[in-house]
Amino acid sequence: MFIDLIQSATNRGDLQRLFKLMLTREEHSAINGRVAIAKALIEGKESQREIATRLGVSIATVTRGSNNLKSMNDGERDFLMQAIQAVNNE
């Protein structure tokens, strides 16, 4: 149902408004944090401890993100990497 709701958004503004209406500030912040952690882990330029310090999250949060990346198959990891790179290029 949530995926259908997201697909109903026809532009970025509608999608932003939809997320604002459906997610609390904490949930929005948590999602942004997960993206930042995944991006940093994929880039591989910092240690987990450095990522945690820079982003102001616990090392356990970064470790969970790292474990999540490790549990992905190659196709899932490639998809995520491409999506993050696409956002970097905007």
PDB file of N, CA and C in Angstrom:
ATOM      1  N   MET A   1       0.819  -1.183   0.000  1.00  0.00           N
ATOM      2  CA  MET A   1       0.000   0.000   0.000  1.00  0.00           C
ATOM      3  C   MET A   1       0.876   1.266   0.000  1.00  0.00           C
ATOM      4  N   PHE A   2       1.948   1.247   0.816  1.00  0.00           N
ATOM      5  CA  PHE A   2       2.825   2.414   0.878  1.00  0.00           C
ATOM      6  C   PHE A   2       3.523   2.640  -0.462  1.00  0.00           C
ATOM      7  N   ILE A   3       3.956   1.566  -1.094  1.00  0.00           N
ATOM      8  CA  ILE A   3       4.606   1.692  -2.410  1.00  0.00           C
ATOM      9  C   ILE A   3       3.637   2.304  -3.412  1.00  0.00           C
ATOM     10  N   ASP A   4       2.394   1.853  -3.397  1.00  0.00           N
ATOM     11  CA  ASP A   4       1.377   2.424  -4.296  1.00  0.00           C
ATOM     12  C   ASP A   4       1.191   3.915  -4.022  1.00  0.00           C
ATOM     13  N   LEU A   5       1.194   4.262  -2.748  1.00  0.00           N
ATOM     14  CA  LEU A   5       1.048   5.665  -2.369  1.00  0.00           C
ATOM     15  C   LEU A   5       2.216   6.489  -2.909  1.00  0.00           C
ATOM     16  N   ILE A   6       3.422   5.965  -2.771  1.00  0.00           N
ATOM     17  CA  ILE A   6       4.605   6.661  -3.274  1.00  0.00           C
ATOM     18  C   ILE A   6       4.538   6.805  -4.799  1.00  0.00           C
ATOM     19  N   GLN A   7       4.118   5.740  -5.459  1.00  0.00           N
ATOM     20  CA  GLN A   7       4.041   5.795  -6.922  1.00  0.00           C
ATOM     21  C   GLN A   7       2.994   6.776  -7.420  1.00  0.00           C
ATOM     22  N   SER A   8       2.057   7.132  -6.558  1.00  0.00           N
ATOM     23  CA  SER A   8       1.024   8.080  -6.968  1.00  0.00           C
ATOM     24  C   SER A   8       1.565   9.505  -7.059  1.00  0.00           C
ATOM     25  N   ALA A   9       2.698   9.767  -6.435  1.00  0.00           N
ATOM     26  CA  ALA A   9       3.308  11.096  -6.506  1.00  0.00           C
ATOM     27  C   ALA A   9       3.833  11.299  -7.917  1.00  0.00           C
ATOM     28  N   THR A  10       3.475  12.413  -8.517  1.00  0.00           N
ATOM     29  CA  THR A  10       3.847  12.645  -9.913  1.00  0.00           C
ATOM     30  C   THR A  10       5.095  13.504 -10.083  1.00  0.00           C
ATOM     31  N   ASN A  11       5.554  14.102  -8.986  1.00  0.00           N
ATOM     32  CA  ASN A  11       6.768  14.918  -9.070  1.00  0.00           C
ATOM     33  C   ASN A  11       7.443  14.969  -7.708  1.00  0.00           C
ATOM     34  N   ARG A  12       8.617  15.550  -7.671  1.00  0.00           N
ATOM     35  CA  ARG A  12       9.410  15.601  -6.434  1.00  0.00           C
ATOM     36  C   ARG A  12       8.676  16.339  -5.316  1.00  0.00           C
ATOM     37  N   GLY A  13       8.014  17.435  -5.651  1.00  0.00           N
ATOM     38  CA  GLY A  13       7.277  18.206  -4.653  1.00  0.00           C
ATOM     39  C   GLY A  13       6.170  17.394  -4.007  1.00  0.00           C
ATOM     40  N   ASP A  14       5.427  16.640  -4.827  1.00  0.00           N
ATOM     41  CA  ASP A  14       4.373  15.780  -4.293  1.00  0.00           C
ATOM     42  C   ASP A  14       4.957  14.702  -3.394  1.00  0.00           C
ATOM     43  N   LEU A  15       6.080  14.156  -3.804  1.00  0.00           N
ATOM     44  CA  LEU A  15       6.726  13.116  -3.007  1.00  0.00           C
ATOM     45  C   LEU A  15       7.209  13.676  -1.669  1.00  0.00           C
ATOM     46  N   GLN A  16       7.802  14.856  -1.679  1.00  0.00           N
ATOM     47  CA  GLN A  16       8.245  15.491  -0.440  1.00  0.00           C
ATOM     48  C   GLN A  16       7.059  15.752   0.486  1.00  0.00           C
ATOM     49  N   ARG A  17       5.977  16.254  -0.078  1.00  0.00           N
ATOM     50  CA  ARG A  17       4.783  16.536   0.724  1.00  0.00           C
ATOM     51  C   ARG A  17       4.221  15.242   1.304  1.00  0.00           C
ATOM     52  N   LEU A  18       4.194  14.187   0.514  1.00  0.00           N
ATOM     53  CA  LEU A  18       3.689  12.898   0.965  1.00  0.00           C
ATOM     54  C   LEU A  18       4.511  12.360   2.133  1.00  0.00           C
ATOM     55  N   PHE A  19       5.825  12.418   2.011  1.00  0.00           N
ATOM     56  CA  PHE A  19       6.684  11.957   3.098  1.00  0.00           C
ATOM     57  C   PHE A  19       6.503  12.828   4.340  1.00  0.00           C
ATOM     58  N   LYS A  20       6.351  14.121   4.161  1.00  0.00           N
ATOM     59  CA  LYS A  20       6.146  15.009   5.294  1.00  0.00           C
ATOM     60  C   LYS A  20       4.857  14.661   6.023  1.00  0.00           C
ATOM     61  N   LEU A  21       3.836  14.295   5.279  1.00  0.00           N
ATOM     62  CA  LEU A  21       2.552  13.955   5.881  1.00  0.00           C
ATOM     63  C   LEU A  21       2.551  12.571   6.530  1.00  0.00           C
ATOM     64  N   MET A  22       3.317  11.647   5.988  1.00  0.00           N
ATOM     65  CA  MET A  22       3.273  10.261   6.450  1.00  0.00           C
ATOM     66  C   MET A  22       4.322   9.926   7.511  1.00  0.00           C
ATOM     67  N   LEU A  23       5.414  10.669   7.554  1.00  0.00           N
ATOM     68  CA  LEU A  23       6.512  10.343   8.467  1.00  0.00           C
ATOM     69  C   LEU A  23       6.680  11.422   9.524  1.00  0.00           C
ATOM     70  N   THR A  24       7.044  10.999  10.720  1.00  0.00           N
ATOM     71  CA  THR A  24       7.370  11.971  11.759  1.00  0.00           C
ATOM     72  C   THR A  24       8.740  12.577  11.448  1.00  0.00           C
ATOM     73  N   ARG A  25       9.081  13.639  12.133  1.00  0.00           N
ATOM     74  CA  ARG A  25      10.410  14.237  11.947  1.00  0.00           C
ATOM     75  C   ARG A  25      11.508  13.235  12.288  1.00  0.00           C
ATOM     76  N   GLU A  26      11.267  12.445  13.330  1.00  0.00           N
ATOM     77  CA  GLU A  26      12.255  11.445  13.738  1.00  0.00           C
ATOM     78  C   GLU A  26      12.442  10.384  12.662  1.00  0.00           C
ATOM     79  N   GLU A  27      11.343   9.943  12.060  1.00  0.00           N
ATOM     80  CA  GLU A  27      11.434   8.938  10.996  1.00  0.00           C
ATOM     81  C   GLU A  27      12.138   9.512   9.769  1.00  0.00           C
ATOM     82  N   HIS A  28      11.822  10.746   9.441  1.00  0.00           N
ATOM     83  CA  HIS A  28      12.471  11.407   8.308  1.00  0.00           C
ATOM     84  C   HIS A  28      13.968  11.517   8.548  1.00  0.00           C
ATOM     85  N   SER A  29      14.338  11.915   9.767  1.00  0.00           N
ATOM     86  CA  SER A  29      15.746  12.035  10.131  1.00  0.00           C
ATOM     87  C   SER A  29      16.437  10.674  10.095  1.00  0.00           C
ATOM     88  N   ALA A  30      15.758   9.640  10.580  1.00  0.00           N
ATOM     89  CA  ALA A  30      16.335   8.293  10.585  1.00  0.00           C
ATOM     90  C   ALA A  30      16.589   7.797   9.168  1.00  0.00           C
ATOM     91  N   ILE A  31      15.667   8.055   8.261  1.00  0.00           N
ATOM     92  CA  ILE A  31      15.845   7.632   6.861  1.00  0.00           C
ATOM     93  C   ILE A  31      17.018   8.374   6.238  1.00  0.00           C
ATOM     94  N   ASN A  32      17.087   9.686   6.454  1.00  0.00           N
ATOM     95  CA  ASN A  32      18.213  10.454   5.920  1.00  0.00           C
ATOM     96  C   ASN A  32      19.525   9.952   6.502  1.00  0.00           C
ATOM     97  N   GLY A  33      19.515   9.608   7.779  1.00  0.00           N
ATOM     98  CA  GLY A  33      20.712   9.069   8.417  1.00  0.00           C
ATOM     99  C   GLY A  33      21.140   7.752   7.800  1.00  0.00           C
ATOM    100  N   ARG A  34      20.183   6.889   7.529  1.00  0.00           N
ATOM    101  CA  ARG A  34      20.508   5.600   6.901  1.00  0.00           C
ATOM    102  C   ARG A  34      21.128   5.793   5.524  1.00  0.00           C
ATOM    103  N   VAL A  35      20.590   6.740   4.780  1.00  0.00           N
ATOM    104  CA  VAL A  35      21.148   7.013   3.445  1.00  0.00           C
ATOM    105  C   VAL A  35      22.577   7.529   3.577  1.00  0.00           C
ATOM    106  N   ALA A  36      22.806   8.439   4.504  1.00  0.00           N
ATOM    107  CA  ALA A  36      24.152   8.990   4.703  1.00  0.00           C
ATOM    108  C   ALA A  36      25.133   7.906   5.141  1.00  0.00           C
ATOM    109  N   ILE A  37      24.688   7.007   6.005  1.00  0.00           N
ATOM    110  CA  ILE A  37      25.550   5.910   6.454  1.00  0.00           C
ATOM    111  C   ILE A  37      25.868   4.984   5.292  1.00  0.00           C
ATOM    112  N   ALA A  38      24.858   4.595   4.538  1.00  0.00           N
ATOM    113  CA  ALA A  38      25.078   3.705   3.391  1.00  0.00           C
ATOM    114  C   ALA A  38      26.033   4.352   2.393  1.00  0.00           C
ATOM    115  N   LYS A  39      25.825   5.633   2.123  1.00  0.00           N
ATOM    116  CA  LYS A  39      26.694   6.358   1.183  1.00  0.00           C
ATOM    117  C   LYS A  39      28.142   6.325   1.662  1.00  0.00           C
ATOM    118  N   ALA A  40      28.354   6.637   2.930  1.00  0.00           N
ATOM    119  CA  ALA A  40      29.714   6.665   3.475  1.00  0.00           C
ATOM    120  C   ALA A  40      30.342   5.273   3.450  1.00  0.00           C
ATOM    121  N   LEU A  41      29.567   4.259   3.795  1.00  0.00           N
ATOM    122  CA  LEU A  41      30.105   2.893   3.783  1.00  0.00           C
ATOM    123  C   LEU A  41      30.462   2.452   2.366  1.00  0.00           C
ATOM    124  N   ILE A  42      29.609   2.773   1.422  1.00  0.00           N
ATOM    125  CA  ILE A  42      29.871   2.390   0.028  1.00  0.00           C
ATOM    126  C   ILE A  42      31.109   3.111  -0.498  1.00  0.00           C
ATOM    127  N   GLU A  43      31.243   4.391  -0.151  1.00  0.00           N
ATOM    128  CA  GLU A  43      32.419   5.146  -0.606  1.00  0.00           C
ATOM    129  C   GLU A  43      33.701   4.585  -0.006  1.00  0.00           C
ATOM    130  N   GLY A  44      33.633   4.071   1.214  1.00  0.00           N
ATOM    131  CA  GLY A  44      34.765   3.403   1.834  1.00  0.00           C
ATOM    132  C   GLY A  44      35.951   4.284   2.162  1.00  0.00           C
ATOM    133  N   LYS A  45      35.739   5.575   2.333  1.00  0.00           N
ATOM    134  CA  LYS A  45      36.842   6.499   2.609  1.00  0.00           C
ATOM    135  C   LYS A  45      37.085   6.720   4.100  1.00  0.00           C
ATOM    136  N   GLU A  46      36.120   6.294   4.935  1.00  0.00           N
ATOM    137  CA  GLU A  46      36.215   6.520   6.368  1.00  0.00           C
ATOM    138  C   GLU A  46      35.977   5.204   7.111  1.00  0.00           C
ATOM    139  N   SER A  47      36.508   5.130   8.314  1.00  0.00           N
ATOM    140  CA  SER A  47      36.215   3.987   9.162  1.00  0.00           C
ATOM    141  C   SER A  47      34.792   4.136   9.704  1.00  0.00           C
ATOM    142  N   GLN A  48      34.263   3.049  10.237  1.00  0.00           N
ATOM    143  CA  GLN A  48      32.935   3.123  10.829  1.00  0.00           C
ATOM    144  C   GLN A  48      32.904   4.133  11.973  1.00  0.00           C
ATOM    145  N   ARG A  49      33.950   4.163  12.768  1.00  0.00           N
ATOM    146  CA  ARG A  49      34.015   5.105  13.888  1.00  0.00           C
ATOM    147  C   ARG A  49      34.020   6.550  13.373  1.00  0.00           C
ATOM    148  N   GLU A  50      34.755   6.821  12.302  1.00  0.00           N
ATOM    149  CA  GLU A  50      34.783   8.171  11.725  1.00  0.00           C
ATOM    150  C   GLU A  50      33.409   8.555  11.183  1.00  0.00           C
ATOM    151  N   ILE A  51      32.738   7.606  10.539  1.00  0.00           N
ATOM    152  CA  ILE A  51      31.391   7.869  10.017  1.00  0.00           C
ATOM    153  C   ILE A  51      30.452   8.215  11.170  1.00  0.00           C
ATOM    154  N   ALA A  52      30.506   7.418  12.239  1.00  0.00           N
ATOM    155  CA  ALA A  52      29.642   7.647  13.402  1.00  0.00           C
ATOM    156  C   ALA A  52      29.880   9.036  13.991  1.00  0.00           C
ATOM    157  N   THR A  53      31.134   9.401  14.134  1.00  0.00           N
ATOM    158  CA  THR A  53      31.472  10.710  14.701  1.00  0.00           C
ATOM    159  C   THR A  53      30.980  11.832  13.801  1.00  0.00           C
ATOM    160  N   ARG A  54      31.262  11.729  12.512  1.00  0.00           N
ATOM    161  CA  ARG A  54      30.877  12.792  11.572  1.00  0.00           C
ATOM    162  C   ARG A  54      29.369  12.969  11.500  1.00  0.00           C
ATOM    163  N   LEU A  55      28.641  11.861  11.513  1.00  0.00           N
ATOM    164  CA  LEU A  55      27.188  11.935  11.372  1.00  0.00           C
ATOM    165  C   LEU A  55      26.457  12.083  12.705  1.00  0.00           C
ATOM    166  N   GLY A  56      27.190  11.966  13.803  1.00  0.00           N
ATOM    167  CA  GLY A  56      26.571  12.115  15.111  1.00  0.00           C
ATOM    168  C   GLY A  56      25.642  10.971  15.478  1.00  0.00           C
ATOM    169  N   VAL A  57      26.020   9.754  15.060  1.00  0.00           N
ATOM    170  CA  VAL A  57      25.240   8.559  15.383  1.00  0.00           C
ATOM    171  C   VAL A  57      26.136   7.587  16.145  1.00  0.00           C
ATOM    172  N   SER A  58      25.519   6.581  16.723  1.00  0.00           N
ATOM    173  CA  SER A  58      26.309   5.609  17.468  1.00  0.00           C
ATOM    174  C   SER A  58      27.053   4.678  16.512  1.00  0.00           C
ATOM    175  N   ILE A  59      28.137   4.126  16.998  1.00  0.00           N
ATOM    176  CA  ILE A  59      28.889   3.150  16.207  1.00  0.00           C
ATOM    177  C   ILE A  59      28.007   1.939  15.910  1.00  0.00           C
ATOM    178  N   ALA A  60      27.103   1.607  16.826  1.00  0.00           N
ATOM    179  CA  ALA A  60      26.192   0.477  16.604  1.00  0.00           C
ATOM    180  C   ALA A  60      25.282   0.727  15.409  1.00  0.00           C
ATOM    181  N   THR A  61      24.851   1.959  15.229  1.00  0.00           N
ATOM    182  CA  THR A  61      24.007   2.300  14.084  1.00  0.00           C
ATOM    183  C   THR A  61      24.775   2.097  12.782  1.00  0.00           C
ATOM    184  N   VAL A  62      26.022   2.526  12.761  1.00  0.00           N
ATOM    185  CA  VAL A  62      26.845   2.358  11.562  1.00  0.00           C
ATOM    186  C   VAL A  62      27.120   0.870  11.327  1.00  0.00           C
ATOM    187  N   THR A  63      27.379   0.132  12.385  1.00  0.00           N
ATOM    188  CA  THR A  63      27.627  -1.302  12.265  1.00  0.00           C
ATOM    189  C   THR A  63      26.402  -2.018  11.708  1.00  0.00           C
ATOM    190  N   ARG A  64      25.213  -1.623  12.158  1.00  0.00           N
ATOM    191  CA  ARG A  64      23.987  -2.226  11.604  1.00  0.00           C
ATOM    192  C   ARG A  64      23.878  -1.927  10.110  1.00  0.00           C
ATOM    193  N   GLY A  65      24.225  -0.706   9.719  1.00  0.00           N
ATOM    194  CA  GLY A  65      24.216  -0.364   8.296  1.00  0.00           C
ATOM    195  C   GLY A  65      25.220  -1.193   7.523  1.00  0.00           C
ATOM    196  N   SER A  66      26.393  -1.387   8.091  1.00  0.00           N
ATOM    197  CA  SER A  66      27.426  -2.198   7.457  1.00  0.00           C
ATOM    198  C   SER A  66      26.965  -3.647   7.317  1.00  0.00           C
ATOM    199  N   ASN A  67      26.369  -4.179   8.376  1.00  0.00           N
ATOM    200  CA  ASN A  67      25.868  -5.556   8.318  1.00  0.00           C
ATOM    201  C   ASN A  67      24.760  -5.697   7.293  1.00  0.00           C
ATOM    202  N   ASN A  68      23.930  -4.678   7.178  1.00  0.00           N
ATOM    203  CA  ASN A  68      22.868  -4.695   6.174  1.00  0.00           C
ATOM    204  C   ASN A  68      23.460  -4.740   4.766  1.00  0.00           C
ATOM    205  N   LEU A  69      24.485  -3.924   4.530  1.00  0.00           N
ATOM    206  CA  LEU A  69      25.142  -3.938   3.212  1.00  0.00           C
ATOM    207  C   LEU A  69      25.765  -5.302   2.929  1.00  0.00           C
ATOM    208  N   LYS A  70      26.375  -5.905   3.945  1.00  0.00           N
ATOM    209  CA  LYS A  70      27.006  -7.215   3.770  1.00  0.00           C
ATOM    210  C   LYS A  70      25.987  -8.304   3.468  1.00  0.00           C
ATOM    211  N   SER A  71      24.757  -8.129   3.956  1.00  0.00           N
ATOM    212  CA  SER A  71      23.726  -9.150   3.734  1.00  0.00           C
ATOM    213  C   SER A  71      23.073  -9.039   2.356  1.00  0.00           C
ATOM    214  N   MET A  72      23.358  -7.961   1.633  1.00  0.00           N
ATOM    215  CA  MET A  72      22.775  -7.767   0.298  1.00  0.00           C
ATOM    216  C   MET A  72      23.484  -8.634  -0.718  1.00  0.00           C
ATOM    217  N   ASN A  73      22.723  -9.078  -1.710  1.00  0.00           N
ATOM    218  CA  ASN A  73      23.373  -9.776  -2.817  1.00  0.00           C
ATOM    219  C   ASN A  73      23.987  -8.727  -3.744  1.00  0.00           C
ATOM    220  N   ASP A  74      24.775  -9.176  -4.701  1.00  0.00           N
ATOM    221  CA  ASP A  74      25.483  -8.244  -5.585  1.00  0.00           C
ATOM    222  C   ASP A  74      24.529  -7.313  -6.324  1.00  0.00           C
ATOM    223  N   GLY A  75      23.408  -7.837  -6.782  1.00  0.00           N
ATOM    224  CA  GLY A  75      22.442  -7.022  -7.520  1.00  0.00           C
ATOM    225  C   GLY A  75      21.842  -5.930  -6.652  1.00  0.00           C
ATOM    226  N   GLU A  76      21.513  -6.264  -5.413  1.00  0.00           N
ATOM    227  CA  GLU A  76      20.955  -5.271  -4.500  1.00  0.00           C
ATOM    228  C   GLU A  76      21.981  -4.189  -4.169  1.00  0.00           C
ATOM    229  N   ARG A  77      23.198  -4.610  -3.905  1.00  0.00           N
ATOM    230  CA  ARG A  77      24.266  -3.659  -3.579  1.00  0.00           C
ATOM    231  C   ARG A  77      24.548  -2.749  -4.778  1.00  0.00           C
ATOM    232  N   ASP A  78      24.604  -3.315  -5.973  1.00  0.00           N
ATOM    233  CA  ASP A  78      24.833  -2.512  -7.176  1.00  0.00           C
ATOM    234  C   ASP A  78      23.704  -1.503  -7.387  1.00  0.00           C
ATOM    235  N   PHE A  79      22.460  -1.950  -7.171  1.00  0.00           N
ATOM    236  CA  PHE A  79      21.309  -1.061  -7.310  1.00  0.00           C
ATOM    237  C   PHE A  79      21.418   0.114  -6.347  1.00  0.00           C
ATOM    238  N   LEU A  80      21.741  -0.176  -5.081  1.00  0.00           N
ATOM    239  CA  LEU A  80      21.874   0.876  -4.075  1.00  0.00           C
ATOM    240  C   LEU A  80      23.020   1.822  -4.429  1.00  0.00           C
ATOM    241  N   MET A  81      24.147   1.263  -4.853  1.00  0.00           N
ATOM    242  CA  MET A  81      25.291   2.097  -5.230  1.00  0.00           C
ATOM    243  C   MET A  81      24.935   3.028  -6.381  1.00  0.00           C
ATOM    244  N   GLN A  82      24.250   2.520  -7.386  1.00  0.00           N
ATOM    245  CA  GLN A  82      23.844   3.341  -8.530  1.00  0.00           C
ATOM    246  C   GLN A  82      22.871   4.435  -8.108  1.00  0.00           C
ATOM    247  N   ALA A  83      21.936   4.099  -7.224  1.00  0.00           N
ATOM    248  CA  ALA A  83      20.973   5.094  -6.756  1.00  0.00           C
ATOM    249  C   ALA A  83      21.669   6.209  -5.985  1.00  0.00           C
ATOM    250  N   ILE A  84      22.605   5.831  -5.135  1.00  0.00           N
ATOM    251  CA  ILE A  84      23.346   6.835  -4.347  1.00  0.00           C
ATOM    252  C   ILE A  84      24.217   7.684  -5.249  1.00  0.00           C
ATOM    253  N   GLN A  85      24.853   7.084  -6.230  1.00  0.00           N
ATOM    254  CA  GLN A  85      25.673   7.841  -7.172  1.00  0.00           C
ATOM    255  C   GLN A  85      24.818   8.797  -7.992  1.00  0.00           C
ATOM    256  N   ALA A  86      23.614   8.390  -8.356  1.00  0.00           N
ATOM    257  CA  ALA A  86      22.716   9.251  -9.113  1.00  0.00           C
ATOM    258  C   ALA A  86      22.347  10.489  -8.292  1.00  0.00           C
ATOM    259  N   VAL A  87      22.125  10.302  -6.993  1.00  0.00           N
ATOM    260  CA  VAL A  87      21.807  11.421  -6.116  1.00  0.00           C
ATOM    261  C   VAL A  87      23.023  12.333  -5.984  1.00  0.00           C
ATOM    262  N   ASN A  88      24.212  11.764  -5.914  1.00  0.00           N
ATOM    263  CA  ASN A  88      25.444  12.553  -5.826  1.00  0.00           C
ATOM    264  C   ASN A  88      25.641  13.429  -7.043  1.00  0.00           C
ATOM    265  N   ASN A  89      25.162  12.975  -8.196  1.00  0.00           N
ATOM    266  CA  ASN A  89      25.375  13.702  -9.453  1.00  0.00           C
ATOM    267  C   ASN A  89      24.331  14.785  -9.692  1.00  0.00           C
ATOM    268  N   GLU A  90      23.319  14.886  -8.833  1.00  0.00           N
ATOM    269  CA  GLU A  90      22.281  15.914  -9.023  1.00  0.00           C
ATOM    270  C   GLU A  90      22.759  17.257  -8.567  1.00  0.00           C
TER     271      GLU A  90
END
